[in-house]
N, C-alpha and C. Protein backbone atom coordinates (compact mmCIF):
# COMPACT_ATOMS: atom_id res chain seq x y z
N MET A 1 5.39 10.24 3.15
CA MET A 1 6.36 11.10 3.81
C MET A 1 6.51 10.63 5.25
N ILE A 2 7.71 10.67 5.74
CA ILE A 2 8.02 10.36 7.13
C ILE A 2 8.30 11.67 7.86
N VAL A 3 7.71 11.83 9.03
CA VAL A 3 7.96 12.99 9.87
C VAL A 3 8.69 12.50 11.11
N CYS A 4 9.81 13.16 11.42
CA CYS A 4 10.63 12.79 12.58
C CYS A 4 10.61 13.94 13.58
N GLU A 5 10.43 13.60 14.86
CA GLU A 5 10.38 14.62 15.90
C GLU A 5 11.20 14.17 17.10
N SER A 6 12.09 15.05 17.56
CA SER A 6 12.90 14.69 18.72
C SER A 6 12.01 14.53 19.95
N MET A 7 12.47 13.67 20.85
CA MET A 7 11.72 13.37 22.07
C MET A 7 12.47 13.94 23.28
N GLU A 8 11.90 13.75 24.47
CA GLU A 8 12.51 14.31 25.69
C GLU A 8 13.88 13.71 25.98
N LYS A 9 14.02 12.38 25.83
CA LYS A 9 15.32 11.76 26.07
C LYS A 9 16.26 12.15 24.94
N ASP A 10 17.50 12.50 25.34
CA ASP A 10 18.49 12.89 24.33
C ASP A 10 18.59 11.86 23.23
N PHE A 11 18.55 12.31 22.00
CA PHE A 11 18.81 11.53 20.79
C PHE A 11 17.70 10.56 20.40
N GLN A 12 16.62 10.47 21.17
CA GLN A 12 15.50 9.65 20.74
C GLN A 12 14.63 10.47 19.79
N VAL A 13 14.15 9.79 18.76
CA VAL A 13 13.34 10.44 17.74
C VAL A 13 12.11 9.57 17.46
N ARG A 14 10.95 10.18 17.50
CA ARG A 14 9.72 9.50 17.11
C ARG A 14 9.53 9.79 15.62
N PHE A 15 9.26 8.73 14.86
CA PHE A 15 8.98 8.96 13.44
C PHE A 15 7.67 8.29 13.06
N THR A 16 6.96 8.92 12.13
CA THR A 16 5.64 8.46 11.74
C THR A 16 5.39 8.69 10.26
N ASP A 17 4.54 7.84 9.71
CA ASP A 17 4.06 8.07 8.34
C ASP A 17 2.64 8.61 8.38
N GLY A 18 2.17 8.98 9.56
CA GLY A 18 0.82 9.50 9.73
C GLY A 18 -0.16 8.42 10.18
N VAL A 19 0.24 7.16 10.08
CA VAL A 19 -0.60 6.05 10.51
C VAL A 19 0.11 5.25 11.60
N ARG A 20 1.36 4.90 11.35
CA ARG A 20 2.16 4.13 12.30
C ARG A 20 3.29 5.01 12.81
N GLU A 21 3.81 4.63 13.99
CA GLU A 21 4.97 5.36 14.50
C GLU A 21 5.93 4.41 15.18
N ALA A 22 7.18 4.84 15.26
CA ALA A 22 8.23 4.07 15.91
C ALA A 22 9.25 5.05 16.47
N VAL A 23 10.22 4.49 17.20
CA VAL A 23 11.24 5.32 17.84
C VAL A 23 12.62 4.87 17.37
N SER A 24 13.46 5.85 17.09
CA SER A 24 14.87 5.56 16.82
C SER A 24 15.70 6.23 17.91
N ASP A 25 16.92 5.78 18.02
CA ASP A 25 17.81 6.27 19.07
C ASP A 25 19.23 5.96 18.61
N THR A 26 20.18 6.35 19.38
CA THR A 26 21.55 5.95 19.11
C THR A 26 22.02 5.07 20.27
N THR A 27 23.16 4.51 20.10
CA THR A 27 23.69 3.58 21.10
C THR A 27 24.19 4.33 22.33
N PRO A 28 24.26 3.64 23.48
CA PRO A 28 24.77 4.29 24.69
C PRO A 28 26.18 4.86 24.53
N ASP A 29 27.03 4.22 23.75
CA ASP A 29 28.39 4.74 23.58
C ASP A 29 28.42 6.04 22.78
N HIS A 30 27.28 6.40 22.17
CA HIS A 30 27.16 7.69 21.48
C HIS A 30 26.22 8.63 22.21
N GLY A 31 25.86 8.30 23.47
CA GLY A 31 25.04 9.18 24.29
C GLY A 31 23.56 8.87 24.30
N GLY A 32 23.13 7.86 23.55
CA GLY A 32 21.72 7.49 23.54
C GLY A 32 21.41 6.43 24.58
N THR A 33 20.18 5.95 24.54
CA THR A 33 19.77 4.90 25.47
C THR A 33 19.73 3.54 24.80
N GLY A 34 19.78 3.52 23.47
CA GLY A 34 19.70 2.26 22.74
C GLY A 34 18.30 1.66 22.76
N GLU A 35 17.29 2.46 23.08
CA GLU A 35 15.92 1.96 23.17
C GLU A 35 15.21 1.88 21.82
N GLY A 36 15.83 2.39 20.78
CA GLY A 36 15.24 2.34 19.45
C GLY A 36 16.29 1.93 18.44
N PHE A 37 15.86 1.67 17.23
CA PHE A 37 16.81 1.34 16.17
C PHE A 37 17.63 2.58 15.83
N ASN A 38 18.93 2.37 15.61
CA ASN A 38 19.74 3.52 15.18
C ASN A 38 19.50 3.75 13.69
N PRO A 39 19.77 4.95 13.18
CA PRO A 39 19.47 5.27 11.79
C PRO A 39 20.09 4.33 10.76
N HIS A 40 21.31 3.87 10.97
CA HIS A 40 21.90 2.94 10.00
C HIS A 40 21.20 1.59 10.03
N ALA A 41 20.76 1.16 11.20
CA ALA A 41 20.00 -0.08 11.29
C ALA A 41 18.68 0.03 10.52
N LEU A 42 18.10 1.22 10.52
CA LEU A 42 16.86 1.42 9.76
C LEU A 42 17.11 1.29 8.26
N LEU A 43 18.28 1.74 7.79
CA LEU A 43 18.64 1.52 6.38
C LEU A 43 18.76 0.03 6.08
N GLU A 44 19.44 -0.68 6.97
CA GLU A 44 19.58 -2.13 6.80
C GLU A 44 18.21 -2.80 6.80
N ALA A 45 17.35 -2.39 7.72
CA ALA A 45 16.01 -2.97 7.83
C ALA A 45 15.18 -2.69 6.58
N SER A 46 15.33 -1.52 6.01
CA SER A 46 14.58 -1.18 4.81
C SER A 46 14.90 -2.14 3.67
N LEU A 47 16.17 -2.40 3.46
CA LEU A 47 16.57 -3.32 2.40
C LEU A 47 16.12 -4.74 2.73
N GLY A 48 16.36 -5.19 3.94
CA GLY A 48 16.00 -6.55 4.33
C GLY A 48 14.50 -6.80 4.25
N ASN A 49 13.71 -5.86 4.73
CA ASN A 49 12.26 -6.00 4.66
C ASN A 49 11.76 -6.03 3.23
N CYS A 50 12.31 -5.18 2.39
CA CYS A 50 11.90 -5.15 0.99
C CYS A 50 12.18 -6.49 0.31
N ILE A 51 13.37 -7.04 0.53
CA ILE A 51 13.73 -8.33 -0.07
C ILE A 51 12.77 -9.41 0.41
N ALA A 52 12.50 -9.46 1.71
CA ALA A 52 11.60 -10.49 2.24
C ALA A 52 10.19 -10.36 1.66
N ILE A 53 9.70 -9.14 1.55
CA ILE A 53 8.35 -8.92 1.04
C ILE A 53 8.24 -9.29 -0.43
N VAL A 54 9.16 -8.78 -1.27
CA VAL A 54 9.00 -9.04 -2.71
C VAL A 54 9.24 -10.49 -3.07
N THR A 55 10.11 -11.19 -2.34
CA THR A 55 10.30 -12.60 -2.66
C THR A 55 9.07 -13.41 -2.27
N ARG A 56 8.43 -13.06 -1.17
CA ARG A 56 7.18 -13.76 -0.80
C ARG A 56 6.08 -13.45 -1.81
N MET A 57 6.00 -12.20 -2.25
CA MET A 57 5.00 -11.84 -3.26
C MET A 57 5.20 -12.63 -4.54
N SER A 58 6.44 -12.70 -4.98
CA SER A 58 6.76 -13.43 -6.21
C SER A 58 6.46 -14.91 -6.06
N ALA A 59 6.82 -15.48 -4.92
CA ALA A 59 6.55 -16.90 -4.69
C ALA A 59 5.05 -17.17 -4.77
N ARG A 60 4.27 -16.33 -4.14
CA ARG A 60 2.82 -16.51 -4.17
C ARG A 60 2.29 -16.42 -5.61
N LYS A 61 2.75 -15.40 -6.32
CA LYS A 61 2.30 -15.18 -7.70
C LYS A 61 2.63 -16.35 -8.61
N HIS A 62 3.79 -16.97 -8.42
CA HIS A 62 4.26 -18.03 -9.30
C HIS A 62 4.07 -19.44 -8.74
N GLY A 63 3.35 -19.54 -7.63
CA GLY A 63 3.07 -20.85 -7.06
C GLY A 63 4.29 -21.57 -6.51
N ILE A 64 5.27 -20.81 -6.07
CA ILE A 64 6.48 -21.39 -5.48
C ILE A 64 6.20 -21.67 -4.01
N PRO A 65 6.46 -22.88 -3.53
CA PRO A 65 6.11 -23.25 -2.15
C PRO A 65 7.07 -22.70 -1.09
N LEU A 66 7.23 -21.40 -1.09
CA LEU A 66 8.09 -20.72 -0.12
C LEU A 66 7.34 -20.61 1.20
N THR A 67 7.97 -21.06 2.28
CA THR A 67 7.31 -20.96 3.59
C THR A 67 7.93 -19.90 4.49
N GLY A 68 9.11 -19.41 4.15
CA GLY A 68 9.75 -18.37 4.95
C GLY A 68 10.98 -17.79 4.29
N VAL A 69 11.32 -16.59 4.74
CA VAL A 69 12.51 -15.89 4.23
C VAL A 69 13.23 -15.28 5.42
N ILE A 70 14.53 -15.45 5.47
CA ILE A 70 15.37 -14.77 6.45
C ILE A 70 16.40 -13.97 5.67
N VAL A 71 16.41 -12.66 5.90
CA VAL A 71 17.36 -11.78 5.24
C VAL A 71 18.23 -11.14 6.32
N LYS A 72 19.53 -11.21 6.14
CA LYS A 72 20.48 -10.58 7.05
C LYS A 72 21.20 -9.49 6.26
N VAL A 73 21.23 -8.28 6.83
CA VAL A 73 21.84 -7.15 6.14
C VAL A 73 22.81 -6.45 7.09
N ASN A 74 23.98 -6.14 6.56
CA ASN A 74 24.97 -5.36 7.30
C ASN A 74 25.43 -4.22 6.40
N LEU A 75 25.38 -3.01 6.91
CA LEU A 75 25.87 -1.85 6.17
C LEU A 75 27.33 -1.64 6.57
N ASN A 76 28.23 -2.00 5.66
CA ASN A 76 29.66 -1.87 5.91
C ASN A 76 30.11 -0.48 5.48
N ARG A 77 30.55 0.31 6.45
CA ARG A 77 31.00 1.69 6.19
C ARG A 77 32.48 1.85 6.48
N ASP A 78 33.23 0.75 6.42
CA ASP A 78 34.67 0.79 6.72
C ASP A 78 35.43 1.70 5.77
N ASP A 79 35.03 1.74 4.51
CA ASP A 79 35.66 2.60 3.50
C ASP A 79 34.88 3.91 3.47
N SER A 80 35.52 5.01 3.81
CA SER A 80 34.81 6.30 3.89
C SER A 80 34.30 6.78 2.54
N ALA A 81 34.76 6.17 1.45
CA ALA A 81 34.33 6.59 0.12
C ALA A 81 33.08 5.86 -0.37
N LYS A 82 32.68 4.80 0.35
CA LYS A 82 31.49 4.07 -0.11
C LYS A 82 30.83 3.34 1.05
N ALA A 83 29.58 3.00 0.81
CA ALA A 83 28.81 2.19 1.76
C ALA A 83 28.45 0.90 1.04
N VAL A 84 28.70 -0.23 1.68
CA VAL A 84 28.46 -1.52 1.06
C VAL A 84 27.39 -2.26 1.86
N PHE A 85 26.28 -2.57 1.21
CA PHE A 85 25.24 -3.38 1.83
C PHE A 85 25.58 -4.84 1.59
N GLU A 86 25.98 -5.53 2.65
CA GLU A 86 26.29 -6.96 2.59
C GLU A 86 25.03 -7.69 3.06
N TYR A 87 24.52 -8.60 2.25
CA TYR A 87 23.30 -9.28 2.66
C TYR A 87 23.30 -10.74 2.24
N SER A 88 22.53 -11.53 2.99
CA SER A 88 22.31 -12.92 2.64
C SER A 88 20.81 -13.17 2.72
N VAL A 89 20.35 -14.13 1.92
CA VAL A 89 18.94 -14.47 1.89
C VAL A 89 18.82 -15.98 2.04
N GLU A 90 17.98 -16.40 2.98
CA GLU A 90 17.75 -17.83 3.20
C GLU A 90 16.25 -18.09 2.99
N PHE A 91 15.95 -19.06 2.13
CA PHE A 91 14.57 -19.43 1.86
C PHE A 91 14.27 -20.77 2.50
N THR A 92 13.06 -20.92 3.02
CA THR A 92 12.62 -22.21 3.51
C THR A 92 11.39 -22.64 2.72
N GLY A 93 11.24 -23.93 2.60
CA GLY A 93 10.14 -24.50 1.83
C GLY A 93 10.68 -25.58 0.92
N ASP A 94 9.81 -26.28 0.25
CA ASP A 94 10.19 -27.35 -0.66
C ASP A 94 10.56 -26.75 -2.00
N LEU A 95 11.77 -26.15 -2.07
CA LEU A 95 12.22 -25.42 -3.25
C LEU A 95 13.34 -26.16 -3.95
N ASP A 96 13.29 -26.14 -5.29
CA ASP A 96 14.41 -26.69 -6.06
C ASP A 96 15.37 -25.54 -6.40
N ASP A 97 16.49 -25.88 -7.00
CA ASP A 97 17.50 -24.87 -7.32
C ASP A 97 16.97 -23.79 -8.25
N GLN A 98 16.14 -24.15 -9.20
CA GLN A 98 15.58 -23.18 -10.14
C GLN A 98 14.68 -22.17 -9.42
N MET A 99 13.88 -22.65 -8.48
CA MET A 99 13.02 -21.75 -7.71
C MET A 99 13.85 -20.79 -6.86
N ARG A 100 14.90 -21.32 -6.22
CA ARG A 100 15.77 -20.47 -5.40
C ARG A 100 16.44 -19.40 -6.25
N GLU A 101 16.93 -19.77 -7.42
CA GLU A 101 17.57 -18.80 -8.31
C GLU A 101 16.59 -17.71 -8.74
N LYS A 102 15.37 -18.11 -9.05
CA LYS A 102 14.35 -17.13 -9.44
C LYS A 102 14.12 -16.15 -8.29
N LEU A 103 13.97 -16.67 -7.08
CA LEU A 103 13.73 -15.80 -5.93
C LEU A 103 14.93 -14.90 -5.63
N LEU A 104 16.13 -15.38 -5.85
CA LEU A 104 17.31 -14.53 -5.66
C LEU A 104 17.36 -13.41 -6.68
N ARG A 105 16.92 -13.68 -7.91
CA ARG A 105 16.84 -12.62 -8.92
C ARG A 105 15.81 -11.57 -8.51
N VAL A 106 14.69 -12.03 -7.98
CA VAL A 106 13.66 -11.11 -7.49
C VAL A 106 14.23 -10.26 -6.35
N ALA A 107 14.97 -10.88 -5.45
CA ALA A 107 15.56 -10.15 -4.31
C ALA A 107 16.44 -9.01 -4.79
N LYS A 108 17.25 -9.27 -5.82
CA LYS A 108 18.15 -8.23 -6.34
C LYS A 108 17.41 -7.10 -7.03
N ALA A 109 16.15 -7.36 -7.39
CA ALA A 109 15.36 -6.35 -8.09
C ALA A 109 14.33 -5.68 -7.18
N CYS A 110 14.46 -5.86 -5.86
CA CYS A 110 13.47 -5.23 -4.98
C CYS A 110 13.57 -3.71 -5.10
N PRO A 111 12.46 -3.01 -4.91
CA PRO A 111 12.46 -1.55 -5.10
C PRO A 111 13.48 -0.79 -4.26
N VAL A 112 13.71 -1.19 -3.02
CA VAL A 112 14.69 -0.47 -2.20
C VAL A 112 16.10 -0.71 -2.74
N HIS A 113 16.39 -1.93 -3.16
CA HIS A 113 17.69 -2.25 -3.77
C HIS A 113 17.91 -1.36 -4.99
N LYS A 114 16.90 -1.26 -5.84
CA LYS A 114 17.00 -0.42 -7.04
C LYS A 114 17.21 1.05 -6.67
N THR A 115 16.49 1.53 -5.66
CA THR A 115 16.63 2.92 -5.24
C THR A 115 18.03 3.21 -4.73
N LEU A 116 18.57 2.30 -3.94
CA LEU A 116 19.91 2.51 -3.36
C LEU A 116 21.01 2.45 -4.41
N GLN A 117 20.72 1.85 -5.56
CA GLN A 117 21.72 1.78 -6.63
C GLN A 117 21.77 3.05 -7.47
N ARG A 118 20.76 3.86 -7.35
CA ARG A 118 20.69 5.10 -8.15
C ARG A 118 21.63 6.15 -7.57
N GLN A 119 21.89 7.15 -8.40
CA GLN A 119 22.60 8.31 -7.88
C GLN A 119 21.65 9.03 -6.95
N LEU A 120 22.10 9.32 -5.76
CA LEU A 120 21.25 9.96 -4.75
C LEU A 120 21.55 11.46 -4.68
N GLU A 121 20.52 12.23 -4.45
CA GLU A 121 20.65 13.66 -4.21
C GLU A 121 19.86 14.01 -2.97
N PHE A 122 20.27 15.02 -2.28
CA PHE A 122 19.57 15.47 -1.09
C PHE A 122 19.22 16.94 -1.29
N VAL A 123 17.93 17.27 -1.18
CA VAL A 123 17.45 18.62 -1.40
C VAL A 123 16.67 19.07 -0.18
N GLN A 124 17.11 20.12 0.46
CA GLN A 124 16.37 20.66 1.60
C GLN A 124 15.27 21.56 1.07
N VAL A 125 14.03 21.30 1.49
CA VAL A 125 12.90 22.10 1.01
C VAL A 125 12.31 22.95 2.11
């Protein structure tokens, strides 16, 4: 569970999982200071981090000589009826085409990707 608590500066929020903590904020053009990640950036980061982690895990498990992963994610909200996660994945290491394809399949199956594809519900408790 994540707990979020507003801070003294307008629009800054401290969030924690009980072990680690970080700060989010909004951009100056929306009244914030820009000193923390904005909430939509955190969504982008969640997907990007998940892809990077699971592809490295898979590479290790299958002996694929992956030395690095760069994931770029943009949440496109131009259409008010949908949100589109646009992402690219770059692998480094001595990889052949078959290895890259395997890792791209793993990327598409990361747990956050799967969660975001589900029908979402919001329940206030």
